[in-house]
């Protein structure tokens, strides 16, 4: 830990890594909801590879849910809590409490979509690796 990170940690302010964790905490429920919605939609679909797609969605849901659970435990161990506040002009606002320090965190919907795409790409690449074995 360098001097700046040590100072931030002592003051209660989140480190840059912790801010990324807060962003991810905000992102995961949207990812999980999107996968669940896709699973529901597949239930009504009449396509040849329906079984394969459903299994892939199950894998994606397992990975996202597991990663979210691990992240929640890590935030709790660092004494960080995140709560949703409001949405204004396409920006989702959250308040976070970090070791006695509290502040707002806003994420633009387009940025959130980009984060979701990046995370889903990571998960689908994991599926591709499994299929190559």
C-alpha atoms as a PDB file:
ATOM      1  CA  UNK A   1       0.000   0.000   0.000  1.00  0.00           C
ATOM      2  CA  UNK A   2       1.516   3.362  -0.987  1.00  0.00           C
ATOM      3  CA  UNK A   3       1.342   6.560   1.114  1.00  0.00           C
ATOM      4  CA  UNK A   4      -1.757   7.925  -0.637  1.00  0.00           C
ATOM      5  CA  UNK A   5      -3.705   4.677  -0.251  1.00  0.00           C
ATOM      6  CA  UNK A   6      -2.646   4.459   3.404  1.00  0.00           C
ATOM      7  CA  UNK A   7      -3.834   8.051   4.030  1.00  0.00           C
ATOM      8  CA  UNK A   8      -7.152   7.401   2.271  1.00  0.00           C
ATOM      9  CA  UNK A   9      -7.645   4.241   4.280  1.00  0.00           C
ATOM     10  CA  UNK A  10      -6.998   6.031   7.588  1.00  0.00           C
ATOM     11  CA  UNK A  11      -9.375   8.866   6.700  1.00  0.00           C
ATOM     12  CA  UNK A  12     -12.179   6.438   5.887  1.00  0.00           C
ATOM     13  CA  UNK A  13     -12.244   7.481   2.248  1.00  0.00           C
ATOM     14  CA  UNK A  14     -12.384   4.553  -0.161  1.00  0.00           C
ATOM     15  CA  UNK A  15      -9.274   3.633  -2.100  1.00  0.00           C
ATOM     16  CA  UNK A  16      -9.425   3.568  -5.922  1.00  0.00           C
ATOM     17  CA  UNK A  17      -9.826  -0.232  -5.752  1.00  0.00           C
ATOM     18  CA  UNK A  18     -12.715   0.144  -3.325  1.00  0.00           C
ATOM     19  CA  UNK A  19     -14.420   2.638  -5.644  1.00  0.00           C
ATOM     20  CA  UNK A  20     -14.229  -0.004  -8.388  1.00  0.00           C
ATOM     21  CA  UNK A  21     -15.771  -2.484  -5.949  1.00  0.00           C
ATOM     22  CA  UNK A  22     -18.603  -0.011  -5.251  1.00  0.00           C
ATOM     23  CA  UNK A  23     -19.186   0.397  -8.989  1.00  0.00           C
ATOM     24  CA  UNK A  24     -19.248  -3.390  -9.406  1.00  0.00           C
ATOM     25  CA  UNK A  25     -21.691  -3.686  -6.491  1.00  0.00           C
ATOM     26  CA  UNK A  26     -24.022  -1.341  -8.363  1.00  0.00           C
ATOM     27  CA  UNK A  27     -23.551  -3.237 -11.645  1.00  0.00           C
ATOM     28  CA  UNK A  28     -24.132  -6.848 -10.499  1.00  0.00           C
ATOM     29  CA  UNK A  29     -27.873  -6.599  -9.709  1.00  0.00           C
ATOM     30  CA  UNK A  30     -28.468  -5.271 -13.231  1.00  0.00           C
ATOM     31  CA  UNK A  31     -26.445  -8.129 -14.734  1.00  0.00           C
ATOM     32  CA  UNK A  32     -28.307 -10.731 -12.674  1.00  0.00           C
ATOM     33  CA  UNK A  33     -31.672  -9.194 -13.567  1.00  0.00           C
ATOM     34  CA  UNK A  34     -30.761  -9.178 -17.267  1.00  0.00           C
ATOM     35  CA  UNK A  35     -29.783 -12.866 -17.193  1.00  0.00           C
ATOM     36  CA  UNK A  36     -32.959 -13.821 -15.322  1.00  0.00           C
ATOM     37  CA  UNK A  37     -35.081 -11.903 -17.841  1.00  0.00           C
ATOM     38  CA  UNK A  38     -33.305 -13.733 -20.677  1.00  0.00           C
ATOM     39  CA  UNK A  39     -34.041 -17.059 -18.967  1.00  0.00           C
ATOM     40  CA  UNK A  40     -37.734 -16.168 -18.742  1.00  0.00           C
ATOM     41  CA  UNK A  41     -37.765 -15.158 -22.411  1.00  0.00           C
ATOM     42  CA  UNK A  42     -36.128 -18.462 -23.393  1.00  0.00           C
ATOM     43  CA  UNK A  43     -38.931 -20.339 -21.654  1.00  0.00           C
ATOM     44  CA  UNK A  44     -41.308 -19.122 -24.357  1.00  0.00           C
ATOM     45  CA  UNK A  45     -38.899 -19.398 -27.291  1.00  0.00           C
ATOM     46  CA  UNK A  46     -39.209 -22.097 -29.924  1.00  0.00           C
ATOM     47  CA  UNK A  47     -35.658 -22.526 -31.222  1.00  0.00           C
ATOM     48  CA  UNK A  48     -33.536 -25.558 -31.993  1.00  0.00           C
ATOM     49  CA  UNK A  49     -30.724 -24.831 -29.515  1.00  0.00           C
ATOM     50  CA  UNK A  50     -32.954 -23.775 -26.634  1.00  0.00           C
ATOM     51  CA  UNK A  51     -31.415 -26.306 -24.215  1.00  0.00           C
ATOM     52  CA  UNK A  52     -27.873 -25.158 -24.937  1.00  0.00           C
ATOM     53  CA  UNK A  53     -28.794 -21.505 -24.532  1.00  0.00           C
ATOM     54  CA  UNK A  54     -30.605 -22.190 -21.255  1.00  0.00           C
ATOM     55  CA  UNK A  55     -27.548 -24.019 -19.885  1.00  0.00           C
ATOM     56  CA  UNK A  56     -25.303 -21.114 -20.901  1.00  0.00           C
ATOM     57  CA  UNK A  57     -27.642 -18.683 -19.163  1.00  0.00           C
ATOM     58  CA  UNK A  58     -27.572 -20.885 -16.045  1.00  0.00           C
ATOM     59  CA  UNK A  59     -23.760 -20.745 -16.091  1.00  0.00           C
ATOM     60  CA  UNK A  60     -23.824 -16.954 -16.521  1.00  0.00           C
ATOM     61  CA  UNK A  61     -26.279 -16.580 -13.651  1.00  0.00           C
ATOM     62  CA  UNK A  62     -24.189 -18.839 -11.406  1.00  0.00           C
ATOM     63  CA  UNK A  63     -20.999 -16.886 -12.141  1.00  0.00           C
ATOM     64  CA  UNK A  64     -22.609 -13.459 -11.696  1.00  0.00           C
ATOM     65  CA  UNK A  65     -24.419 -14.456  -8.496  1.00  0.00           C
ATOM     66  CA  UNK A  66     -21.291 -16.023  -7.033  1.00  0.00           C
ATOM     67  CA  UNK A  67     -19.113 -13.010  -7.900  1.00  0.00           C
ATOM     68  CA  UNK A  68     -21.733 -10.659  -6.417  1.00  0.00           C
ATOM     69  CA  UNK A  69     -21.831 -12.699  -3.196  1.00  0.00           C
ATOM     70  CA  UNK A  70     -18.026 -12.628  -2.890  1.00  0.00           C
ATOM     71  CA  UNK A  71     -18.013  -8.871  -3.537  1.00  0.00           C
ATOM     72  CA  UNK A  72     -20.702  -8.248  -0.898  1.00  0.00           C
ATOM     73  CA  UNK A  73     -18.673 -10.185   1.679  1.00  0.00           C
ATOM     74  CA  UNK A  74     -15.535  -8.225   0.793  1.00  0.00           C
ATOM     75  CA  UNK A  75     -17.320  -4.878   1.087  1.00  0.00           C
ATOM     76  CA  UNK A  76     -18.735  -5.922   4.455  1.00  0.00           C
ATOM     77  CA  UNK A  77     -15.283  -6.948   5.690  1.00  0.00           C
ATOM     78  CA  UNK A  78     -13.997  -3.485   4.696  1.00  0.00           C
ATOM     79  CA  UNK A  79     -16.922  -1.801   6.483  1.00  0.00           C
ATOM     80  CA  UNK A  80     -18.407  -0.382   3.261  1.00  0.00           C
ATOM     81  CA  UNK A  81     -22.159  -0.116   2.721  1.00  0.00           C
ATOM     82  CA  UNK A  82     -23.884   1.030  -0.484  1.00  0.00           C
ATOM     83  CA  UNK A  83     -27.520   2.158  -0.720  1.00  0.00           C
ATOM     84  CA  UNK A  84     -29.516   3.311  -3.728  1.00  0.00           C
ATOM     85  CA  UNK A  85     -30.685   6.917  -3.594  1.00  0.00           C
ATOM     86  CA  UNK A  86     -32.351   8.154  -6.759  1.00  0.00           C
ATOM     87  CA  UNK A  87     -32.190   8.486 -10.521  1.00  0.00           C
ATOM     88  CA  UNK A  88     -31.924  11.884 -12.150  1.00  0.00           C
ATOM     89  CA  UNK A  89     -31.363  12.718 -15.834  1.00  0.00           C
ATOM     90  CA  UNK A  90     -30.164   9.205 -16.661  1.00  0.00           C
ATOM     91  CA  UNK A  91     -27.738   9.033 -13.739  1.00  0.00           C
ATOM     92  CA  UNK A  92     -28.178   6.445 -10.988  1.00  0.00           C
ATOM     93  CA  UNK A  93     -27.117   7.829  -7.612  1.00  0.00           C
ATOM     94  CA  UNK A  94     -26.023   5.747  -4.657  1.00  0.00           C
ATOM     95  CA  UNK A  95     -24.755   6.721  -1.240  1.00  0.00           C
ATOM     96  CA  UNK A  96     -21.884   4.786   0.245  1.00  0.00           C
ATOM     97  CA  UNK A  97     -20.611   4.636   3.780  1.00  0.00           C
ATOM     98  CA  UNK A  98     -16.962   3.704   4.138  1.00  0.00           C
ATOM     99  CA  UNK A  99     -15.385   3.432   7.589  1.00  0.00           C
ATOM    100  CA  UNK A 100     -17.280   6.475   8.874  1.00  0.00           C
ATOM    101  CA  UNK A 101     -16.971   8.468   5.648  1.00  0.00           C
ATOM    102  CA  UNK A 102     -20.032   8.895   3.448  1.00  0.00           C
ATOM    103  CA  UNK A 103     -20.439  10.273  -0.048  1.00  0.00           C
ATOM    104  CA  UNK A 104     -22.493   9.941  -3.213  1.00  0.00           C
ATOM    105  CA  UNK A 105     -21.586   7.800  -6.193  1.00  0.00           C
ATOM    106  CA  UNK A 106     -23.273   8.413  -9.528  1.00  0.00           C
ATOM    107  CA  UNK A 107     -23.125   6.254 -12.614  1.00  0.00           C
ATOM    108  CA  UNK A 108     -24.494   7.253 -16.004  1.00  0.00           C
ATOM    109  CA  UNK A 109     -26.793   4.650 -17.573  1.00  0.00           C
ATOM    110  CA  UNK A 110     -24.578   4.407 -20.663  1.00  0.00           C
ATOM    111  CA  UNK A 111     -21.553   3.715 -18.472  1.00  0.00           C
ATOM    112  CA  UNK A 112     -23.559   1.078 -16.624  1.00  0.00           C
ATOM    113  CA  UNK A 113     -24.486  -0.564 -19.936  1.00  0.00           C
ATOM    114  CA  UNK A 114     -20.827  -0.591 -20.964  1.00  0.00           C
ATOM    115  CA  UNK A 115     -19.836  -2.211 -17.662  1.00  0.00           C
ATOM    116  CA  UNK A 116     -22.535  -4.851 -18.137  1.00  0.00           C
ATOM    117  CA  UNK A 117     -21.316  -5.631 -21.664  1.00  0.00           C
ATOM    118  CA  UNK A 118     -17.706  -5.923 -20.454  1.00  0.00           C
ATOM    119  CA  UNK A 119     -18.674  -8.261 -17.606  1.00  0.00           C
ATOM    120  CA  UNK A 120     -20.916 -10.395 -19.827  1.00  0.00           C
ATOM    121  CA  UNK A 121     -18.099 -10.630 -22.386  1.00  0.00           C
ATOM    122  CA  UNK A 122     -15.795 -11.908 -19.642  1.00  0.00           C
ATOM    123  CA  UNK A 123     -18.332 -14.538 -18.609  1.00  0.00           C
ATOM    124  CA  UNK A 124     -19.080 -15.676 -22.166  1.00  0.00           C
ATOM    125  CA  UNK A 125     -15.342 -15.985 -22.817  1.00  0.00           C
ATOM    126  CA  UNK A 126     -15.237 -18.360 -19.840  1.00  0.00           C
ATOM    127  CA  UNK A 127     -17.965 -20.439 -21.498  1.00  0.00           C
ATOM    128  CA  UNK A 128     -15.942 -20.492 -24.722  1.00  0.00           C
ATOM    129  CA  UNK A 129     -12.871 -21.737 -22.820  1.00  0.00           C
ATOM    130  CA  UNK A 130     -14.942 -24.532 -21.273  1.00  0.00           C
ATOM    131  CA  UNK A 131     -16.250 -25.560 -24.694  1.00  0.00           C
ATOM    132  CA  UNK A 132     -12.716 -25.752 -26.128  1.00  0.00           C
ATOM    133  CA  UNK A 133     -11.651 -28.322 -23.527  1.00  0.00           C
END
